[in-house]
């Protein structure tokens, strides 16, 4: 007789399946909606809401897209770490439908229902993951719980401001959460890149440097905290302190990157994608210095972080996790190559568009945005074409999960 897990639809057996599928669909659809707005097809506001379109775009990319991928990853990883699946069946369906409701209600302008639905997903995932980690006493992963809790509370802050019209800046929620998810990338990359690289590339030996890892995370987190508040007026002393911290973080992460021997990464395409995403991390820290001198716009650095580092890391990880956890070999095929190339082009074109000289030429600026959006959409369409069947069907190796 089959056990209860095997009787569930494959999509509801473990967290990565519905959340990776939903995140990819929403990434594609939300950028289509954003492009419609930019071309004047949906007015100043998105959908039926009174939220400015740019704020909707930022919120949905962070709390819609990035959160869903993070939720799927942690629900799956915590099951592996503890031997207990934190959410499956109806519980998992509830979390996914709450997340979906947040997207729909926000778009249609019902902020109260959007807040209830979205926050149920945020705190529901947090409780599910925390329950199994705390029960298993995996104290090493408490930092991950903190990094999951902070965006939930920042999303709460966002909705309170928008519903009550309190005169605070809602962009603090999206940019603060972007910084938190960026730290999540720094932490997870330090755990998986050395191990995956050593296993996948012959004769590659990466020397553990725990002190370097700790300093990199410390100064990285401090830099991102300062960057979040650097949008507001700073004293000359604080501005100089920010530049110093940004510089130290950039150097430490570059040193960390070199310790992983990136010149060997090209020997495995799936590994190379992880290294490429970390390259964007280093660029982002150096870009913070340029931003502090007003040499680049803040929007440019936001896209260095979001579209460069985080989205590329997401592309690399959802392919890897989806293959590995559905019993398929973790190899770079034509679809994966297309996905990674499209994500890289999307980031490059969006960053080129952020230069003031290009922004001043409206036709060129719009063309670059359209090119970036098209690459992003094509990349996720390719992922869905290949991986949606993986996520919705039984494992290829016949195992449960």
Protein backbone atom coordinates (compact mmCIF):
# COMPACT_ATOMS: atom_id res chain seq x y z
CA UNK A 1 0.00 0.00 0.00
CA UNK A 2 1.32 3.44 -0.90
CA UNK A 3 2.12 5.84 1.91
CA UNK A 4 0.26 9.15 2.26
CA UNK A 5 3.03 11.16 0.56
CA UNK A 6 2.90 9.02 -2.57
CA UNK A 7 -0.89 9.40 -2.74
CA UNK A 8 -0.62 13.19 -2.96
CA UNK A 9 -0.48 14.90 -6.36
CA UNK A 10 3.23 15.38 -7.19
CA UNK A 11 2.81 19.16 -7.18
CA UNK A 12 1.83 19.14 -3.49
CA UNK A 13 4.41 16.70 -2.14
CA UNK A 14 7.18 19.17 -1.29
CA UNK A 15 7.65 22.93 -1.29
CA UNK A 16 9.88 23.54 -4.29
CA UNK A 17 7.37 22.07 -6.76
CA UNK A 18 4.47 24.57 -6.51
CA UNK A 19 6.54 27.56 -5.40
CA UNK A 20 9.13 27.28 -8.19
CA UNK A 21 6.33 26.83 -10.71
CA UNK A 22 4.35 29.77 -9.31
CA UNK A 23 7.39 32.02 -9.00
CA UNK A 24 8.40 31.39 -12.61
CA UNK A 25 4.88 32.02 -13.92
CA UNK A 26 4.64 35.21 -11.87
CA UNK A 27 8.09 36.40 -12.97
CA UNK A 28 6.96 36.12 -16.57
CA UNK A 29 3.47 37.60 -16.08
CA UNK A 30 4.49 40.47 -13.79
CA UNK A 31 7.11 41.72 -16.24
CA UNK A 32 4.52 41.57 -19.04
CA UNK A 33 2.16 43.69 -16.90
CA UNK A 34 4.99 46.08 -16.05
CA UNK A 35 5.84 46.51 -19.72
CA UNK A 36 2.19 47.21 -20.53
CA UNK A 37 2.28 49.97 -17.93
CA UNK A 38 5.47 51.49 -19.31
CA UNK A 39 3.97 51.63 -22.79
CA UNK A 40 0.88 53.40 -21.52
CA UNK A 41 -1.48 50.46 -21.85
CA UNK A 42 -2.53 50.45 -18.19
CA UNK A 43 -2.21 54.04 -16.97
CA UNK A 44 -0.26 55.47 -14.04
CA UNK A 45 -1.44 52.76 -11.67
CA UNK A 46 -1.23 49.01 -11.99
CA UNK A 47 -4.55 47.19 -12.31
CA UNK A 48 -7.26 48.51 -10.00
CA UNK A 49 -4.92 49.71 -7.26
CA UNK A 50 -3.88 53.21 -6.30
CA UNK A 51 -0.31 52.03 -5.81
CA UNK A 52 2.14 53.77 -8.16
CA UNK A 53 3.24 51.35 -10.86
CA UNK A 54 6.95 51.51 -9.97
CA UNK A 55 6.13 50.61 -6.35
CA UNK A 56 3.95 47.69 -7.47
CA UNK A 57 6.78 46.46 -9.69
CA UNK A 58 9.32 46.57 -6.86
CA UNK A 59 6.97 44.95 -4.35
CA UNK A 60 5.95 42.11 -6.66
CA UNK A 61 9.47 41.28 -7.79
CA UNK A 62 10.65 41.09 -4.17
CA UNK A 63 7.64 39.81 -2.19
CA UNK A 64 6.07 37.94 -5.10
CA UNK A 65 8.88 36.44 -7.16
CA UNK A 66 11.93 36.28 -4.88
CA UNK A 67 9.94 35.30 -1.78
CA UNK A 68 8.27 32.40 -3.60
CA UNK A 69 11.61 30.97 -4.72
CA UNK A 70 13.04 31.39 -1.21
CA UNK A 71 9.97 29.70 0.28
CA UNK A 72 10.26 26.75 -2.09
CA UNK A 73 13.98 26.41 -1.42
CA UNK A 74 13.71 26.54 2.39
CA UNK A 75 10.66 24.26 2.60
CA UNK A 76 12.64 21.69 0.61
CA UNK A 77 16.03 22.24 2.27
CA UNK A 78 14.58 22.05 5.79
CA UNK A 79 12.94 18.73 4.87
CA UNK A 80 16.37 17.41 3.85
CA UNK A 81 18.10 18.78 6.95
CA UNK A 82 15.55 17.46 9.46
CA UNK A 83 13.96 14.44 7.76
CA UNK A 84 10.54 16.07 8.31
CA UNK A 85 8.60 17.71 5.48
CA UNK A 86 7.39 21.07 6.86
CA UNK A 87 4.46 21.40 4.45
CA UNK A 88 2.76 19.07 2.01
CA UNK A 89 -0.75 18.34 0.78
CA UNK A 90 -3.42 20.76 2.04
CA UNK A 91 -0.95 22.72 4.19
CA UNK A 92 1.28 23.37 1.19
CA UNK A 93 -1.73 24.17 -1.00
CA UNK A 94 -2.89 26.71 1.61
CA UNK A 95 0.48 28.49 1.58
CA UNK A 96 0.58 28.59 -2.21
CA UNK A 97 -3.00 29.86 -2.53
CA UNK A 98 -2.30 32.57 0.06
CA UNK A 99 0.74 33.63 -1.95
CA UNK A 100 -1.33 33.63 -5.17
CA UNK A 101 -4.09 35.60 -3.45
CA UNK A 102 -1.60 38.26 -2.46
CA UNK A 103 -0.65 38.73 -6.10
CA UNK A 104 -4.24 38.85 -7.37
CA UNK A 105 -5.71 41.09 -4.66
CA UNK A 106 -2.79 43.52 -4.85
CA UNK A 107 -3.17 43.81 -8.62
CA UNK A 108 -6.92 44.39 -8.40
CA UNK A 109 -6.53 47.05 -5.72
CA UNK A 110 -7.98 45.31 -2.65
CA UNK A 111 -5.11 46.06 -0.28
CA UNK A 112 -6.81 44.69 2.84
CA UNK A 113 -7.36 41.26 1.27
CA UNK A 114 -3.91 41.43 -0.33
CA UNK A 115 -2.34 42.08 3.07
CA UNK A 116 -4.23 39.22 4.76
CA UNK A 117 -3.41 36.75 2.01
CA UNK A 118 0.19 37.82 1.44
CA UNK A 119 1.09 37.93 5.13
CA UNK A 120 -0.51 34.52 5.73
CA UNK A 121 1.89 33.15 3.13
CA UNK A 122 4.89 35.01 4.57
CA UNK A 123 4.35 34.03 8.19
CA UNK A 124 2.94 30.60 7.28
CA UNK A 125 6.15 29.63 5.50
CA UNK A 126 8.19 31.06 8.38
CA UNK A 127 6.25 29.01 10.96
CA UNK A 128 6.43 25.82 8.88
CA UNK A 129 10.20 26.05 8.41
CA UNK A 130 10.88 27.23 11.98
CA UNK A 131 8.85 24.35 13.44
CA UNK A 132 11.00 21.60 11.93
CA UNK A 133 14.32 23.42 12.37
CA UNK A 134 13.71 24.22 16.05
CA UNK A 135 12.38 20.74 16.76
CA UNK A 136 15.54 19.25 15.24
CA UNK A 137 17.68 21.79 17.17
CA UNK A 138 19.54 22.89 14.07
CA UNK A 139 20.83 26.08 15.68
CA UNK A 140 23.20 26.66 12.74
CA UNK A 141 20.16 27.54 10.63
CA UNK A 142 18.68 30.15 12.96
CA UNK A 143 20.17 32.84 10.74
CA UNK A 144 18.07 31.54 7.85
CA UNK A 145 14.94 31.89 9.99
CA UNK A 146 15.88 35.49 10.74
CA UNK A 147 16.39 36.15 7.02
CA UNK A 148 12.93 34.69 6.38
CA UNK A 149 11.30 36.65 9.21
CA UNK A 150 12.67 40.09 8.27
CA UNK A 151 10.95 40.28 4.84
CA UNK A 152 7.69 39.12 6.45
CA UNK A 153 7.79 42.01 8.92
CA UNK A 154 8.90 44.45 6.21
CA UNK A 155 5.96 43.35 4.08
CA UNK A 156 3.70 43.97 7.08
CA UNK A 157 5.25 47.45 7.37
CA UNK A 158 4.54 48.03 3.66
CA UNK A 159 0.86 47.15 3.93
CA UNK A 160 0.34 49.14 7.14
CA UNK A 161 1.75 52.23 5.44
CA UNK A 162 -0.28 51.80 2.25
CA UNK A 163 -3.57 50.99 3.98
CA UNK A 164 -3.34 53.62 6.72
CA UNK A 165 -1.58 56.31 4.62
CA UNK A 166 1.06 56.83 7.31
CA UNK A 167 3.63 59.25 5.83
CA UNK A 168 6.57 56.81 5.81
CA UNK A 169 8.49 55.61 2.78
CA UNK A 170 7.12 52.25 1.53
CA UNK A 171 10.21 51.80 -0.66
CA UNK A 172 12.10 51.04 2.57
CA UNK A 173 10.21 47.73 2.73
CA UNK A 174 11.09 46.63 -0.80
CA UNK A 175 14.70 47.83 -0.72
CA UNK A 176 15.23 46.48 2.80
CA UNK A 177 13.87 43.09 1.79
CA UNK A 178 15.99 43.14 -1.35
CA UNK A 179 18.99 43.57 0.94
CA UNK A 180 17.83 40.69 3.17
CA UNK A 181 17.43 38.32 0.23
CA UNK A 182 20.86 39.46 -0.97
CA UNK A 183 22.32 38.38 2.38
CA UNK A 184 20.50 35.06 1.95
CA UNK A 185 22.39 34.59 -1.34
CA UNK A 186 25.71 35.37 0.41
CA UNK A 187 25.00 32.82 3.14
CA UNK A 188 23.76 30.00 0.91
CA UNK A 189 26.47 30.56 -1.71
CA UNK A 190 29.15 30.13 0.93
CA UNK A 191 27.66 26.77 1.90
CA UNK A 192 26.98 25.28 -1.52
CA UNK A 193 29.46 26.68 -4.05
CA UNK A 194 32.61 25.12 -2.50
CA UNK A 195 30.89 21.73 -1.98
CA UNK A 196 29.13 21.55 -5.34
CA UNK A 197 32.25 22.73 -7.18
CA UNK A 198 34.55 20.23 -5.48
CA UNK A 199 32.11 17.40 -6.24
CA UNK A 200 31.49 18.37 -9.87
CA UNK A 201 34.97 19.44 -11.02
CA UNK A 202 37.78 16.91 -10.89
CA UNK A 203 40.86 17.73 -8.83
CA UNK A 204 39.33 20.95 -7.50
CA UNK A 205 40.22 21.44 -3.85
CA UNK A 206 38.84 24.54 -2.12
CA UNK A 207 40.54 25.45 1.14
CA UNK A 208 37.95 26.28 3.84
CA UNK A 209 38.45 29.78 5.26
CA UNK A 210 35.88 30.15 8.07
CA UNK A 211 37.24 33.52 9.24
CA UNK A 212 37.01 34.96 5.72
CA UNK A 213 33.45 33.63 5.42
CA UNK A 214 32.40 35.20 8.72
CA UNK A 215 33.99 38.56 7.91
CA UNK A 216 32.45 38.53 4.43
CA UNK A 217 28.98 37.91 5.85
CA UNK A 218 29.43 40.46 8.64
CA UNK A 219 30.61 43.31 6.41
CA UNK A 220 28.21 42.27 3.65
CA UNK A 221 25.25 42.51 6.02
CA UNK A 222 26.51 45.81 7.44
CA UNK A 223 27.01 47.21 3.93
CA UNK A 224 23.48 46.24 2.92
CA UNK A 225 22.00 47.77 6.07
CA UNK A 226 23.84 51.04 5.41
CA UNK A 227 22.92 50.94 1.72
CA UNK A 228 19.22 50.59 2.57
CA UNK A 229 19.28 53.82 4.58
CA UNK A 230 21.77 55.63 2.34
CA UNK A 231 18.85 56.76 0.15
CA UNK A 232 18.12 59.31 2.88
CA UNK A 233 20.23 62.33 3.74
CA UNK A 234 23.49 61.37 5.42
CA UNK A 235 26.04 63.49 7.25
CA UNK A 236 29.49 63.72 5.62
CA UNK A 237 30.85 61.39 8.32
CA UNK A 238 28.16 58.76 7.70
CA UNK A 239 28.65 59.03 3.93
CA UNK A 240 32.37 58.36 4.35
CA UNK A 241 31.67 55.48 6.76
CA UNK A 242 29.29 53.94 4.21
CA UNK A 243 31.94 54.12 1.49
CA UNK A 244 34.49 52.48 3.78
CA UNK A 245 32.14 49.61 4.67
CA UNK A 246 31.09 49.17 1.03
CA UNK A 247 34.76 48.99 0.01
CA UNK A 248 35.67 46.47 2.71
CA UNK A 249 32.67 44.30 1.78
CA UNK A 250 33.60 44.40 -1.91
CA UNK A 251 37.21 43.39 -1.22
CA UNK A 252 36.26 40.60 1.20
CA UNK A 253 33.74 39.08 -1.21
CA UNK A 254 36.19 39.33 -4.09
CA UNK A 255 38.78 37.52 -1.94
CA UNK A 256 36.18 34.90 -1.01
CA UNK A 257 35.32 34.47 -4.69
CA UNK A 258 38.99 33.97 -5.63
CA UNK A 259 39.34 31.32 -2.91
CA UNK A 260 36.68 29.31 -4.77
CA UNK A 261 38.95 29.23 -7.87
CA UNK A 262 36.53 30.72 -10.41
CA UNK A 263 38.96 30.04 -13.28
CA UNK A 264 37.96 26.36 -12.98
CA UNK A 265 34.19 26.97 -13.05
CA UNK A 266 33.89 26.82 -16.86
CA UNK A 267 34.49 23.06 -16.65
CA UNK A 268 30.89 22.55 -15.49
CA UNK A 269 28.09 24.70 -16.89
CA UNK A 270 25.74 24.37 -13.91
CA UNK A 271 28.56 25.36 -11.56
CA UNK A 272 29.57 28.25 -13.81
CA UNK A 273 26.07 29.75 -13.43
CA UNK A 274 26.52 29.83 -9.64
CA UNK A 275 29.88 31.58 -9.99
CA UNK A 276 28.37 34.05 -12.46
CA UNK A 277 25.68 35.01 -9.96
CA UNK A 278 28.35 35.61 -7.31
CA UNK A 279 30.24 37.78 -9.75
CA UNK A 280 27.18 40.06 -9.77
CA UNK A 281 27.37 40.13 -5.96
CA UNK A 282 30.87 41.60 -6.09
CA UNK A 283 29.86 44.10 -8.78
CA UNK A 284 26.93 45.18 -6.58
CA UNK A 285 29.20 46.04 -3.65
CA UNK A 286 31.52 48.07 -5.86
CA UNK A 287 28.45 49.76 -7.37
CA UNK A 288 27.41 50.89 -3.88
CA UNK A 289 30.62 52.93 -3.73
CA UNK A 290 29.86 54.53 -7.11
CA UNK A 291 26.30 55.27 -6.01
CA UNK A 292 27.56 56.95 -2.82
CA UNK A 293 29.51 59.41 -5.01
CA UNK A 294 26.41 59.93 -7.21
CA UNK A 295 28.27 58.42 -10.18
CA UNK A 296 25.42 55.99 -10.90
CA UNK A 297 21.71 56.08 -10.12
CA UNK A 298 20.26 54.09 -7.23
CA UNK A 299 17.95 52.29 -9.65
CA UNK A 300 21.02 50.96 -11.44
CA UNK A 301 22.38 49.42 -8.27
CA UNK A 302 18.97 47.98 -7.38
CA UNK A 303 19.07 46.12 -10.71
CA UNK A 304 22.70 45.05 -10.15
CA UNK A 305 21.44 43.36 -6.99
CA UNK A 306 18.00 42.19 -8.07
CA UNK A 307 18.27 41.36 -11.75
CA UNK A 308 21.98 40.54 -11.70
CA UNK A 309 22.93 38.75 -8.47
CA UNK A 310 19.61 37.50 -7.08
CA UNK A 311 17.84 36.57 -10.33
CA UNK A 312 20.91 34.82 -11.72
CA UNK A 313 21.32 32.89 -8.46
CA UNK A 314 17.63 31.96 -8.66
CA UNK A 315 18.02 30.74 -12.24
CA UNK A 316 21.00 28.57 -11.28
CA UNK A 317 19.35 27.13 -8.17
CA UNK A 318 15.85 26.42 -9.46
CA UNK A 319 17.35 24.41 -12.32
CA UNK A 320 19.66 22.54 -9.98
CA UNK A 321 17.06 21.84 -7.28
CA UNK A 322 14.33 20.94 -9.77
CA UNK A 323 16.59 18.43 -11.50
CA UNK A 324 18.16 16.94 -8.40
CA UNK A 325 14.93 16.60 -6.43
CA UNK A 326 12.99 15.05 -9.31
CA UNK A 327 15.61 12.34 -9.84
CA UNK A 328 17.19 13.80 -12.97
CA UNK A 329 20.89 14.36 -13.71
CA UNK A 330 22.16 17.86 -12.92
CA UNK A 331 23.55 18.76 -16.34
CA UNK A 332 23.59 21.84 -18.54
CA UNK A 333 21.32 21.28 -21.54
CA UNK A 334 20.20 23.62 -24.30
CA UNK A 335 17.25 24.91 -22.27
CA UNK A 336 19.41 25.70 -19.24
CA UNK A 337 21.98 27.42 -21.43
CA UNK A 338 19.26 29.52 -23.06
CA UNK A 339 17.83 30.38 -19.64
CA UNK A 340 21.19 31.52 -18.24
CA UNK A 341 22.12 33.49 -21.36
CA UNK A 342 18.74 35.24 -21.41
CA UNK A 343 18.99 36.18 -17.73
CA UNK A 344 22.50 37.58 -18.27
CA UNK A 345 21.36 39.60 -21.29
CA UNK A 346 18.32 40.86 -19.37
CA UNK A 347 20.56 42.17 -16.60
CA UNK A 348 23.10 43.75 -18.97
CA UNK A 349 20.47 45.51 -21.10
CA UNK A 350 18.62 46.83 -18.03
CA UNK A 351 21.85 48.17 -16.57
CA UNK A 352 22.85 49.85 -19.83
CA UNK A 353 19.42 51.48 -19.88
CA UNK A 354 20.12 52.96 -16.42
CA UNK A 355 22.92 55.22 -17.66
CA UNK A 356 21.67 58.84 -17.76
CA UNK A 357 22.88 59.30 -21.35
CA UNK A 358 20.60 56.46 -22.49
CA UNK A 359 17.71 57.51 -20.26
CA UNK A 360 17.79 60.93 -21.92
CA UNK A 361 17.02 59.33 -25.30
CA UNK A 362 13.50 58.03 -24.81
CA UNK A 363 13.36 55.80 -27.89
CA UNK A 364 16.68 54.13 -27.06
CA UNK A 365 15.76 53.84 -23.37
CA UNK A 366 12.43 52.14 -24.14
CA UNK A 367 14.13 49.84 -26.65
CA UNK A 368 16.66 48.73 -24.04
CA UNK A 369 13.92 48.14 -21.47
CA UNK A 370 11.93 46.15 -24.00
CA UNK A 371 15.00 44.09 -24.86
CA UNK A 372 15.72 43.39 -21.19
CA UNK A 373 12.12 42.43 -20.46
CA UNK A 374 11.94 40.22 -23.55
CA UNK A 375 15.08 38.34 -22.49
CA UNK A 376 13.74 37.89 -18.96
CA UNK A 377 10.38 36.62 -20.24
CA UNK A 378 11.99 34.32 -22.81
CA UNK A 379 14.31 32.88 -20.15
CA UNK A 380 11.49 31.95 -17.79
CA UNK A 381 9.32 30.74 -20.66
CA UNK A 382 12.14 28.35 -21.61
CA UNK A 383 12.42 27.19 -17.99
CA UNK A 384 8.68 26.56 -17.76
CA UNK A 385 8.59 24.74 -21.09
CA UNK A 386 11.19 22.24 -19.88
CA UNK A 387 10.67 22.15 -16.12
CA UNK A 388 6.91 22.46 -15.59
CA UNK A 389 6.49 18.74 -16.47
CA UNK A 390 9.30 17.88 -14.02
CA UNK A 391 7.58 19.81 -11.23
CA UNK A 392 4.12 18.36 -11.87
CA UNK A 393 4.97 14.66 -12.29
CA UNK A 394 6.56 11.85 -10.29
CA UNK A 395 10.31 11.64 -9.84
CA UNK A 396 12.13 10.07 -12.77
CA UNK A 397 13.96 7.63 -10.45
CA UNK A 398 10.78 6.34 -8.81
CA UNK A 399 11.66 7.67 -5.35
CA UNK A 400 9.22 9.63 -3.22
CA UNK A 401 9.23 13.42 -3.16
